[in-house]
Protein backbone atom coordinates (compact mmCIF):
# COMPACT_ATOMS: atom_id res chain seq x y z
CA MET A 1 -36.64 -62.45 191.44
CA ALA A 2 -36.85 -58.98 193.18
CA SER A 3 -34.77 -60.28 196.17
CA GLU A 4 -32.23 -61.74 193.69
CA ASN A 5 -31.78 -58.09 192.41
CA ALA A 6 -31.82 -56.31 195.70
CA ASP A 7 -27.96 -56.38 195.55
CA HIS A 8 -27.72 -54.71 192.23
CA ALA A 9 -28.39 -51.08 191.38
CA VAL A 10 -28.94 -52.20 187.75
CA TRP A 11 -29.58 -55.53 186.19
CA LEU A 12 -30.16 -55.47 182.26
CA ARG A 13 -31.06 -59.23 181.73
CA GLY A 14 -31.15 -60.94 178.32
CA ILE A 15 -31.62 -57.64 176.38
CA GLU A 16 -32.23 -58.12 172.80
CA LYS A 17 -32.69 -55.37 170.39
CA GLN A 18 -32.72 -55.51 166.60
CA PHE A 19 -32.74 -52.50 164.16
CA PRO A 20 -33.30 -52.97 160.29
CA GLY A 21 -30.48 -54.88 159.17
CA VAL A 22 -28.53 -54.84 162.33
CA ILE A 23 -28.75 -56.92 165.53
CA ALA A 24 -27.37 -54.43 168.35
CA CYS A 25 -27.97 -56.76 171.30
CA ALA A 26 -28.40 -60.51 171.41
CA GLY A 27 -29.15 -61.45 174.89
CA ALA A 28 -26.74 -59.18 176.63
CA ASP A 29 -26.42 -58.93 180.39
CA LEU A 30 -25.17 -56.20 182.66
CA ARG A 31 -25.09 -56.05 186.45
CA VAL A 32 -24.00 -53.26 188.54
CA ARG A 33 -23.55 -53.06 192.31
CA PRO A 34 -24.58 -50.04 194.38
CA GLY A 35 -21.72 -47.60 195.24
CA THR A 36 -19.40 -48.93 192.41
CA ILE A 37 -17.94 -47.60 189.16
CA HIS A 38 -18.68 -50.14 186.50
CA ALA A 39 -17.14 -49.94 183.08
CA LEU A 40 -19.05 -51.20 179.94
CA LEU A 41 -16.39 -52.11 177.31
CA GLY A 42 -16.55 -53.05 173.78
CA GLU A 43 -15.57 -52.04 170.20
CA ASN A 44 -17.80 -49.89 168.22
CA GLY A 45 -21.07 -51.66 167.22
CA ALA A 46 -20.76 -54.13 170.17
CA GLY A 47 -24.01 -53.00 171.72
CA LYS A 48 -22.88 -50.71 174.55
CA THR A 49 -24.82 -47.52 173.38
CA THR A 50 -27.90 -49.67 172.61
CA MET A 51 -27.66 -51.24 176.04
CA VAL A 52 -27.61 -47.81 177.99
CA ASN A 53 -30.30 -46.38 175.73
CA VAL A 54 -32.58 -49.14 176.88
CA LEU A 55 -31.54 -48.43 180.50
CA ALA A 56 -32.39 -44.70 179.85
CA GLY A 57 -35.80 -45.30 178.22
CA VAL A 58 -34.66 -44.17 174.67
CA TYR A 59 -35.29 -47.86 173.36
CA ARG A 60 -37.74 -50.34 174.48
CA PRO A 61 -36.01 -53.83 174.18
CA ASP A 62 -37.38 -56.54 171.97
CA ALA A 63 -36.84 -59.04 174.87
CA GLY A 64 -35.29 -59.08 178.26
CA GLU A 65 -35.78 -57.38 181.62
CA VAL A 66 -34.66 -53.96 183.18
CA TRP A 67 -34.18 -53.78 186.92
CA VAL A 68 -33.23 -50.43 188.72
CA ASN A 69 -32.57 -50.62 192.34
CA GLY A 70 -34.45 -53.90 192.88
CA GLN A 71 -37.38 -52.89 190.96
CA ARG A 72 -38.56 -54.26 187.51
CA CYS A 73 -39.15 -51.36 185.14
CA SER A 74 -40.69 -50.83 181.89
CA PHE A 75 -39.76 -47.58 180.60
CA HIS A 76 -41.76 -45.85 177.74
CA SER A 77 -39.61 -42.72 177.64
CA PRO A 78 -36.43 -41.02 178.95
CA ALA A 79 -38.68 -39.27 181.62
CA ASP A 80 -39.73 -42.65 183.09
CA ALA A 81 -36.00 -43.53 183.47
CA ILE A 82 -35.22 -40.22 185.13
CA ALA A 83 -37.99 -40.71 187.55
CA ALA A 84 -36.56 -44.02 188.39
CA GLY A 85 -33.21 -42.49 189.19
CA VAL A 86 -31.30 -43.05 185.88
CA GLY A 87 -29.29 -40.26 184.59
CA MET A 88 -27.55 -40.19 181.12
CA VAL A 89 -24.66 -38.29 180.16
CA TYR A 90 -24.16 -38.70 176.39
CA GLN A 91 -21.00 -38.54 174.31
CA GLU A 92 -22.78 -35.79 171.84
CA PHE A 93 -24.16 -33.17 174.06
CA ARG A 94 -28.07 -32.67 174.67
CA LEU A 95 -27.79 -28.94 175.68
CA VAL A 96 -29.59 -25.71 174.38
CA PRO A 97 -26.78 -23.38 173.26
CA THR A 98 -28.69 -20.12 173.83
CA LEU A 99 -29.50 -20.89 177.46
CA THR A 100 -27.10 -20.40 180.31
CA VAL A 101 -25.34 -23.25 182.29
CA ALA A 102 -27.86 -22.97 185.13
CA GLU A 103 -30.81 -22.91 182.77
CA ASN A 104 -29.68 -26.01 180.98
CA ILE A 105 -29.11 -27.89 184.22
CA VAL A 106 -32.37 -27.13 185.91
CA LEU A 107 -34.30 -27.25 182.63
CA GLY A 108 -37.80 -29.08 183.09
CA SER A 109 -36.89 -29.97 186.80
CA ALA A 110 -36.48 -26.59 188.71
CA PRO A 111 -39.43 -25.65 191.05
CA ARG A 112 -41.44 -22.93 189.30
CA LEU A 113 -41.28 -20.51 192.26
CA LEU A 114 -37.62 -20.72 192.56
CA ARG A 115 -35.86 -17.41 191.49
CA SER A 116 -33.07 -17.39 188.99
CA VAL A 117 -30.61 -16.08 191.44
CA GLU A 118 -31.49 -19.06 193.89
CA ILE A 119 -30.97 -21.42 191.02
CA GLU A 120 -27.74 -20.08 189.97
CA GLU A 121 -26.56 -20.24 193.58
CA ARG A 122 -27.69 -23.95 193.98
CA VAL A 123 -26.08 -24.79 190.71
CA ALA A 124 -22.75 -23.04 191.96
CA GLU A 125 -22.78 -24.94 195.01
CA LEU A 126 -23.40 -28.28 193.33
CA SER A 127 -20.60 -27.77 190.79
CA ALA A 128 -18.14 -26.91 193.67
CA ALA A 129 -19.14 -29.74 195.68
CA TYR A 130 -17.83 -32.24 192.88
CA GLY A 131 -15.09 -30.03 191.67
CA MET A 132 -16.60 -29.27 188.44
CA VAL A 133 -16.78 -25.60 188.58
CA ALA A 134 -18.89 -23.93 186.07
CA ASP A 135 -20.11 -20.29 185.87
CA PRO A 136 -23.94 -20.70 186.08
CA THR A 137 -24.36 -17.43 184.17
CA ARG A 138 -22.58 -18.06 180.97
CA PRO A 139 -24.43 -19.20 177.86
CA VAL A 140 -23.58 -22.64 176.75
CA TRP A 141 -22.46 -21.57 173.29
CA GLN A 142 -19.63 -19.86 174.71
CA LEU A 143 -18.31 -22.89 176.50
CA SER A 144 -15.57 -25.27 175.34
CA MET A 145 -16.36 -28.95 174.72
CA GLY A 146 -14.88 -29.87 178.05
CA GLU A 147 -16.96 -27.12 179.81
CA ARG A 148 -20.14 -28.55 178.11
CA GLN A 149 -19.44 -31.99 179.35
CA ARG A 150 -19.29 -30.77 182.98
CA VAL A 151 -22.71 -29.06 182.33
CA GLU A 152 -24.15 -32.52 181.23
CA ILE A 153 -22.82 -34.36 184.37
CA LEU A 154 -24.18 -31.51 186.58
CA LYS A 155 -27.52 -31.77 184.95
CA SER A 156 -27.88 -35.40 186.15
CA LEU A 157 -26.52 -34.66 189.47
CA TRP A 158 -29.16 -31.93 189.87
CA ARG A 159 -31.94 -34.44 189.21
CA ASN A 160 -30.31 -36.63 191.95
CA ALA A 161 -29.72 -39.76 189.71
CA SER A 162 -28.92 -42.78 191.82
CA VAL A 163 -27.50 -44.41 188.56
CA LEU A 164 -25.38 -42.27 186.42
CA VAL A 165 -24.54 -43.59 182.89
CA MET A 166 -21.36 -41.67 181.30
CA ASP A 167 -20.78 -42.14 177.60
CA GLU A 168 -17.09 -41.39 176.86
CA PRO A 169 -16.85 -38.70 179.55
CA THR A 170 -13.31 -37.84 179.33
CA ALA A 171 -13.18 -37.90 175.39
CA VAL A 172 -13.39 -33.89 175.56
CA LEU A 173 -11.28 -33.49 178.66
CA THR A 174 -7.58 -32.63 179.15
CA PRO A 175 -5.62 -35.08 181.33
CA GLY A 176 -6.01 -32.82 184.35
CA GLU A 177 -9.77 -32.56 183.88
CA ALA A 178 -10.06 -36.35 183.49
CA ALA A 179 -8.18 -36.78 186.69
CA GLU A 180 -10.55 -34.33 188.51
CA LEU A 181 -13.64 -36.24 186.87
CA GLY A 182 -12.14 -39.51 188.25
CA ALA A 183 -12.22 -38.06 191.78
CA ALA A 184 -15.72 -36.75 191.33
CA LEU A 185 -16.80 -40.12 190.21
CA ARG A 186 -15.19 -41.89 193.30
CA ALA A 187 -16.89 -39.24 195.50
CA MET A 188 -20.33 -40.08 193.88
CA ALA A 189 -19.60 -43.82 194.21
CA GLU A 190 -18.67 -43.41 198.07
CA GLY A 191 -21.90 -41.46 198.29
CA GLY A 192 -23.95 -44.45 197.24
CA ARG A 193 -24.41 -43.71 193.72
CA SER A 194 -23.68 -46.11 190.96
CA VAL A 195 -21.89 -45.18 187.83
CA ILE A 196 -21.71 -47.06 184.49
CA TYR A 197 -18.80 -45.73 182.63
CA ILE A 198 -18.37 -46.27 178.96
CA SER A 199 -14.67 -45.63 177.43
CA HIS A 200 -12.25 -46.86 175.13
CA LYS A 201 -9.31 -45.30 177.21
CA LEU A 202 -8.40 -48.52 179.19
CA ASP A 203 -5.88 -46.84 181.22
CA GLN A 204 -8.52 -44.60 182.69
CA VAL A 205 -10.84 -47.44 182.96
CA VAL A 206 -8.37 -49.36 185.31
CA ALA A 207 -7.76 -46.01 187.14
CA PHE A 208 -11.32 -44.96 187.80
CA CYS A 209 -13.32 -48.32 187.88
CA ASP A 210 -14.06 -51.09 190.06
CA GLU A 211 -15.65 -53.73 187.82
CA ALA A 212 -16.29 -54.31 184.07
CA THR A 213 -18.63 -56.05 181.72
CA VAL A 214 -17.33 -56.52 178.05
CA LEU A 215 -19.64 -56.88 175.22
CA ARG A 216 -18.84 -58.24 171.72
CA GLN A 217 -21.26 -58.53 168.78
CA GLY A 218 -24.19 -57.71 171.02
CA LYS A 219 -23.26 -60.29 173.71
CA THR A 220 -21.74 -60.34 177.14
CA VAL A 221 -18.43 -62.14 176.64
CA ALA A 222 -16.74 -61.23 180.02
CA THR A 223 -17.28 -59.82 183.39
CA VAL A 224 -14.47 -58.52 185.56
CA GLU A 225 -15.14 -58.26 189.27
CA ASP A 226 -11.87 -56.40 190.27
CA LEU A 227 -10.13 -54.34 187.46
CA GLN A 228 -7.07 -54.12 189.75
CA GLU A 229 -6.42 -57.87 188.94
CA VAL A 230 -6.20 -57.42 185.12
CA ASP A 231 -3.93 -55.58 182.76
CA LEU A 232 -4.69 -53.37 179.68
CA THR A 233 -3.55 -56.26 177.48
CA SER A 234 -6.07 -58.46 178.74
CA LEU A 235 -8.95 -56.02 178.61
CA ALA A 236 -8.02 -55.26 174.87
CA GLU A 237 -8.04 -58.94 174.11
CA MET A 238 -11.47 -59.44 175.87
CA MET A 239 -12.79 -56.43 173.70
CA VAL A 240 -11.35 -57.03 170.34
CA GLY A 241 -9.93 -60.57 170.45
CA SER A 242 -6.46 -59.23 169.85
CA SER A 243 -3.91 -57.36 171.97
CA GLU A 244 -2.92 -54.82 169.12
CA GLY A 245 -2.61 -51.25 169.82
CA GLY A 246 -4.77 -48.40 168.43
CA TYR A 247 -1.98 -46.38 166.74
CA VAL A 248 -0.66 -47.17 163.18
CA ASP A 249 2.90 -47.10 162.13
CA ARG A 250 3.89 -43.93 160.44
CA PRO A 251 6.17 -44.60 157.37
CA PRO A 252 9.42 -42.79 157.34
CA ALA A 253 9.38 -39.07 156.33
CA MET A 254 9.67 -38.17 152.70
CA GLU A 255 11.14 -35.24 151.26
CA ALA A 256 9.00 -32.12 151.90
CA GLY A 257 6.58 -31.41 148.99
CA PRO A 258 5.48 -28.02 148.04
CA GLU A 259 3.50 -25.79 150.45
CA VAL A 260 -0.24 -26.35 150.56
CA LEU A 261 -1.49 -24.36 153.37
CA SER A 262 0.06 -21.27 155.21
CA LEU A 263 -1.00 -19.03 157.76
CA GLN A 264 0.80 -15.74 158.16
CA GLY A 265 0.23 -13.31 161.12
CA VAL A 266 -3.10 -14.67 161.75
CA CYS A 267 -5.07 -13.27 164.84
CA ALA A 268 -8.64 -14.15 165.82
CA LEU A 269 -11.22 -13.48 168.79
CA ASN A 270 -13.02 -16.21 170.55
CA ASP A 271 -16.77 -16.46 171.13
CA ARG A 272 -16.39 -13.92 174.06
CA GLY A 273 -14.59 -11.37 172.14
CA LEU A 274 -11.40 -12.03 173.62
CA PRO A 275 -7.98 -12.84 171.84
CA ALA A 276 -7.73 -16.53 170.82
CA LEU A 277 -5.21 -16.53 168.14
CA ILE A 278 -2.15 -14.30 168.27
CA ASP A 279 0.31 -13.81 165.41
CA ILE A 280 0.01 -17.46 164.07
CA ASN A 281 2.57 -18.33 161.46
CA MET A 282 2.83 -21.88 160.15
CA THR A 283 2.87 -24.00 157.12
CA VAL A 284 1.78 -27.54 155.97
CA HIS A 285 3.47 -29.11 152.98
CA ALA A 286 2.17 -31.78 150.59
CA GLY A 287 2.77 -35.43 152.01
CA GLU A 288 3.25 -34.45 155.71
CA ILE A 289 1.22 -34.61 158.93
CA VAL A 290 1.64 -31.54 161.19
CA GLY A 291 0.33 -32.26 164.54
CA ILE A 292 -1.03 -29.41 166.95
CA VAL A 293 0.05 -30.08 170.34
CA GLY A 294 -1.66 -28.27 173.41
CA VAL A 295 -4.01 -28.52 176.51
CA SER A 296 -7.53 -27.88 175.38
CA GLY A 297 -8.77 -24.25 175.19
CA ASN A 298 -5.36 -22.78 173.89
CA GLY A 299 -6.83 -21.77 170.56
CA GLN A 300 -7.01 -24.95 168.72
CA LYS A 301 -10.83 -24.85 167.99
CA GLU A 302 -10.27 -21.24 166.74
CA LEU A 303 -7.40 -22.28 164.51
CA ALA A 304 -9.42 -24.83 162.85
CA GLU A 305 -12.30 -22.67 162.42
CA VAL A 306 -10.44 -19.75 160.90
CA ILE A 307 -8.71 -22.23 158.47
CA ASN A 308 -11.88 -23.65 157.44
CA GLY A 309 -13.87 -20.37 157.02
CA LEU A 310 -16.08 -20.75 160.19
CA ARG A 311 -14.40 -17.74 162.04
CA ARG A 312 -13.07 -14.55 160.41
CA PRO A 313 -9.50 -13.76 161.45
CA THR A 314 -9.02 -10.10 162.80
CA GLU A 315 -5.61 -9.94 161.14
CA GLY A 316 -3.45 -11.97 158.90
CA ARG A 317 -3.79 -14.14 155.80
CA VAL A 318 -4.58 -17.96 154.97
CA THR A 319 -3.46 -19.34 151.68
CA VAL A 320 -4.08 -22.88 150.28
CA LYS A 321 -1.63 -23.64 147.36
CA GLU A 322 -0.59 -19.91 147.20
CA LEU A 323 -4.31 -18.93 146.64
CA ASP A 324 -5.72 -16.41 149.35
CA ILE A 325 -8.72 -17.98 151.06
CA THR A 326 -8.85 -15.66 153.98
CA GLY A 327 -12.50 -15.18 154.79
CA ALA A 328 -13.75 -17.59 152.06
CA SER A 329 -16.85 -19.57 152.82
CA PRO A 330 -16.78 -23.29 153.88
CA GLY A 331 -18.53 -24.41 150.70
CA ASP A 332 -16.02 -22.37 148.54
CA LEU A 333 -13.03 -23.82 150.42
CA TYR A 334 -14.03 -27.39 149.80
CA GLY A 335 -14.08 -26.64 146.20
CA MET A 336 -10.49 -25.29 146.48
CA GLY A 337 -9.29 -28.50 147.80
CA LEU A 338 -9.67 -27.83 151.74
CA ALA A 339 -11.40 -30.80 153.49
CA TYR A 340 -12.31 -30.54 157.27
CA VAL A 341 -13.19 -33.15 159.85
CA PRO A 342 -14.44 -31.05 162.86
CA GLU A 343 -14.45 -32.34 166.45
CA ASP A 344 -18.18 -31.97 166.84
CA ARG A 345 -19.38 -34.69 164.60
CA LEU A 346 -23.10 -34.05 165.10
CA GLY A 347 -23.91 -30.33 164.61
CA VAL A 348 -20.82 -29.03 162.79
CA GLY A 349 -19.77 -32.11 160.82
CA LEU A 350 -23.07 -33.94 160.30
CA ALA A 351 -26.87 -33.04 160.40
CA PRO A 352 -28.47 -35.41 162.85
CA LYS A 353 -32.00 -35.32 161.40
CA MET A 354 -30.70 -35.85 157.80
CA SER A 355 -30.38 -39.30 156.47
CA VAL A 356 -27.11 -41.04 155.78
CA VAL A 357 -27.40 -40.40 152.09
CA ASP A 358 -28.02 -36.57 152.46
CA ASN A 359 -25.11 -36.18 154.89
CA ALA A 360 -22.95 -38.19 152.38
CA VAL A 361 -23.75 -35.94 149.43
CA VAL A 362 -24.07 -32.55 151.10
CA ARG A 363 -20.58 -31.55 150.15
CA SER A 364 -20.46 -32.80 146.69
CA TYR A 365 -24.12 -32.73 145.55
CA ARG A 366 -23.23 -30.81 142.33
CA SER A 367 -21.48 -34.00 141.05
CA GLN A 368 -24.76 -36.12 141.78
CA ARG A 369 -27.01 -34.00 139.55
CA GLN A 370 -29.08 -35.07 136.45
CA GLY A 371 -29.32 -31.98 134.41
CA ILE A 372 -30.54 -29.25 136.96
CA PHE A 373 -31.86 -31.76 139.41
CA LEU A 374 -30.26 -34.12 141.93
CA SER A 375 -30.12 -37.71 140.82
CA ILE A 376 -31.50 -40.04 143.60
CA THR A 377 -29.95 -42.97 141.97
CA LYS A 378 -26.37 -41.06 141.75
CA CYS A 379 -26.76 -40.06 145.56
CA VAL A 380 -27.43 -43.61 146.65
CA LYS A 381 -24.78 -45.07 144.66
CA PHE A 382 -22.11 -42.36 145.87
CA CYS A 383 -23.31 -43.04 149.45
CA GLN A 384 -23.03 -46.70 149.11
CA SER A 385 -19.63 -46.40 147.72
CA LEU A 386 -18.36 -44.45 150.86
CA VAL A 387 -20.14 -46.88 153.11
CA GLU A 388 -18.17 -49.81 151.64
CA ARG A 389 -14.85 -47.99 151.22
CA PHE A 390 -14.89 -46.83 154.87
CA ALA A 391 -16.41 -49.70 156.34
CA VAL A 392 -19.37 -47.97 157.80
CA ARG A 393 -22.01 -49.97 159.41
CA VAL A 394 -25.55 -48.82 158.87
CA GLY A 395 -29.03 -50.19 158.47
CA ARG A 396 -30.93 -48.16 155.74
CA LEU A 397 -29.24 -45.45 154.11
CA ASN A 398 -32.49 -43.35 154.40
CA ASP A 399 -32.55 -43.64 158.22
CA PRO A 400 -31.32 -40.45 160.12
CA ILE A 401 -27.75 -40.28 160.63
CA ALA A 402 -27.95 -39.63 164.39
CA GLY A 403 -28.72 -43.37 164.80
CA LEU A 404 -25.22 -44.43 163.95
CA SER A 405 -22.53 -45.01 166.68
CA GLY A 406 -19.59 -42.56 167.06
CA GLY A 407 -17.12 -44.59 165.14
CA ASN A 408 -19.41 -44.99 162.04
CA LEU A 409 -20.23 -41.40 162.10
CA GLN A 410 -16.58 -40.45 162.03
CA ARG A 411 -15.94 -42.90 159.24
CA LEU A 412 -18.66 -41.47 157.18
CA LEU A 413 -17.70 -37.97 157.83
CA LEU A 414 -14.07 -38.70 156.77
CA GLY A 415 -15.05 -40.54 153.73
CA ARG A 416 -17.29 -37.51 152.51
CA GLU A 417 -14.30 -35.11 153.08
CA LEU A 418 -12.01 -37.21 151.26
CA ALA A 419 -14.20 -38.02 148.36
CA GLU A 420 -13.08 -35.06 146.09
CA GLN A 421 -9.32 -35.91 146.64
CA PRO A 422 -8.47 -32.62 148.69
CA SER A 423 -5.04 -31.23 148.74
CA VAL A 424 -5.30 -30.20 152.48
CA LEU A 425 -7.19 -31.97 155.24
CA VAL A 426 -7.74 -30.38 158.68
CA ALA A 427 -8.78 -33.12 161.15
CA ALA A 428 -9.70 -32.10 164.60
CA GLN A 429 -9.89 -34.89 167.17
CA PRO A 430 -10.59 -37.53 164.45
CA SER A 431 -10.15 -40.42 166.65
CA ARG A 432 -11.86 -39.20 169.68
CA GLY A 433 -14.06 -41.82 171.52
CA LEU A 434 -13.42 -44.54 169.07
CA ASP A 435 -12.56 -48.08 169.95
CA VAL A 436 -9.02 -49.62 169.24
CA GLN A 437 -10.03 -50.92 165.67
CA GLY A 438 -11.77 -47.71 165.00
CA VAL A 439 -8.92 -45.60 165.91
CA ALA A 440 -6.58 -47.64 163.81
CA ALA A 441 -8.91 -47.38 160.80
CA ILE A 442 -8.93 -43.58 161.00
CA GLN A 443 -5.41 -43.07 161.63
CA GLY A 444 -4.82 -45.48 158.71
CA HIS A 445 -6.79 -43.13 156.36
CA LEU A 446 -4.67 -40.22 157.77
CA VAL A 447 -1.43 -41.88 156.79
CA ASP A 448 -2.79 -42.91 153.43
CA GLN A 449 -3.66 -39.22 152.65
CA ARG A 450 -0.16 -38.30 153.52
CA ALA A 451 1.18 -40.86 151.14
CA ALA A 452 -0.81 -39.62 148.45
CA GLY A 453 0.45 -36.06 148.79
CA VAL A 454 -2.21 -34.49 151.00
CA GLY A 455 -1.02 -31.85 153.64
CA VAL A 456 -2.53 -32.94 156.95
CA LEU A 457 -3.12 -30.84 159.82
CA LEU A 458 -3.88 -32.97 162.88
CA ILE A 459 -5.21 -31.42 165.88
CA SER A 460 -5.64 -33.92 168.79
CA GLU A 461 -5.51 -33.88 172.60
CA ASP A 462 -3.88 -37.37 172.40
CA LEU A 463 -0.24 -36.97 172.69
CA ASP A 464 0.44 -40.64 171.72
CA GLU A 465 -1.61 -40.29 168.56
CA LEU A 466 0.27 -36.98 167.70
CA LEU A 467 3.63 -38.59 168.29
CA ALA A 468 2.74 -41.68 166.37
CA LEU A 469 1.42 -39.99 163.25
CA SER A 470 3.19 -36.51 162.84
CA ASP A 471 6.13 -35.53 160.94
CA ARG A 472 6.31 -32.26 162.71
CA LEU A 473 4.74 -30.96 166.03
CA LEU A 474 3.66 -27.34 166.66
CA VAL A 475 2.87 -26.63 170.25
CA MET A 476 -0.04 -24.10 171.19
CA PHE A 477 -0.22 -21.95 174.47
CA GLU A 478 -2.47 -19.39 175.15
CA GLY A 479 -3.35 -18.64 171.32
CA ARG A 480 0.50 -18.75 170.25
CA ILE A 481 2.67 -21.27 168.64
CA VAL A 482 5.45 -21.49 171.18
CA GLY A 483 7.66 -24.18 169.62
CA GLU A 484 8.16 -26.64 166.69
CA TYR A 485 9.51 -30.25 167.55
CA GLY A 486 10.39 -33.33 165.76
CA PRO A 487 8.18 -36.27 167.12
CA ASP A 488 11.00 -38.77 167.03
CA VAL A 489 13.72 -36.78 168.88
CA THR A 490 11.90 -34.71 171.33
CA PRO A 491 11.21 -36.10 174.95
CA ARG A 492 7.92 -35.89 176.39
CA THR A 493 9.13 -33.70 179.16
CA VAL A 494 10.02 -30.98 176.71
CA LEU A 495 6.64 -31.29 175.02
CA GLY A 496 4.99 -31.03 178.46
CA SER A 497 7.05 -27.83 179.40
CA ALA A 498 6.11 -26.27 176.07
CA MET A 499 2.29 -27.09 176.85
CA ALA A 500 2.57 -25.38 180.09
CA GLY A 501 4.09 -22.17 178.54
CA LYS A 502 7.59 -23.08 179.53
CA ALA A 503 9.05 -23.81 176.21
CA PRO A 504 12.94 -24.06 176.22
CA LYS A 505 14.66 -21.17 174.84
């Protein structure tokens, strides 16, 4: 058997894994050759995350074999997998915000006698070698989501992983950053490393990867030995059984309703004390979706935080239905009809160690009381209604929510925010990292809210999503709104120019 596996960097053979009420893997296989970039594809719940968590030592399989570099392995912990040469880059980051970039990268693996200056120099050399430049002295909490992703990748490279597993690595990257990552992955593969690449962005899969394995309902349903010989439609059919796209049809625009959200002269600083928002003036009306277009890092994050009470503006005013909400707390804003789906699902949106039930009721717990105490029966019933309405796949409602897939986390988060029928919904990257059906489901809910008279502010780095859903587009560049455009009449070249700071006069 060992000789049979000598030609494979990874062979996950007949993997079975079951959780309470959920069969995650049902005899799935994955073979990865050395020096290749191998895509692992499938819709949410297909078993991808479980498979790579078995490889990373997070889970022990109920049945099956794990082979790495020709050796059969029995991992009891992630440390065992790291020692065997497996590096894992998760979609939800595993970083310590208060430590610097260098400290996060070398945490638990740097020689004890190595000085901080030497560590920072080595980290800088490593990041430059793969074109993923990151300031080793900056605290992680000051970084954008894209910069944090680079730190996660560099952390595995520092440990000299021979097998690098990447879960939606471009989900928080701009198109330019994604292209740079693709070049870095190719350099890693040419250097002998093997990369397992999980993504729902099929165009990037074809551009970056050599081979692919497709999972469906916990089983391996297809293996593609040369991705250059298949098209995107074929891959979509393998994954979900159809070639339908992930973007819903936006109904024709209706007559604008009353103004439900307004920002007037709003300015704010970023985490480093530098200007992030400069004289923002914008409105959202009932029954419309306003899309925010822009390259990541141009103030979108700060805009969402100011509106939702997570960051105080230095100047200006924010109003909801003509009520001044400037500086109000997130809890008060929810009671005023403002719902928020943040881009960071675990951490800002949901508490990973809390149960599914607790996360479901945390925003509306006052409605689940029996007298002065919370009613467990009401909480469970409320949670169950969200699970059913938004098609959330869960095992036990009392399990920690961190065990759910990204798509199920997003469905529950959106359902919780819409439970009290808000008048305004701010959605930041709502479909990031989801499969085709998950994207369509989330976007369908946004369109439904528009039809119900809710004003939706959609912040996304997916231009196709913004063009498909938005009634109006506002382009942000360096903290300013530099133009307003109609999605149906504006060429992409015009939007691209505006995103680069060259808005037509």
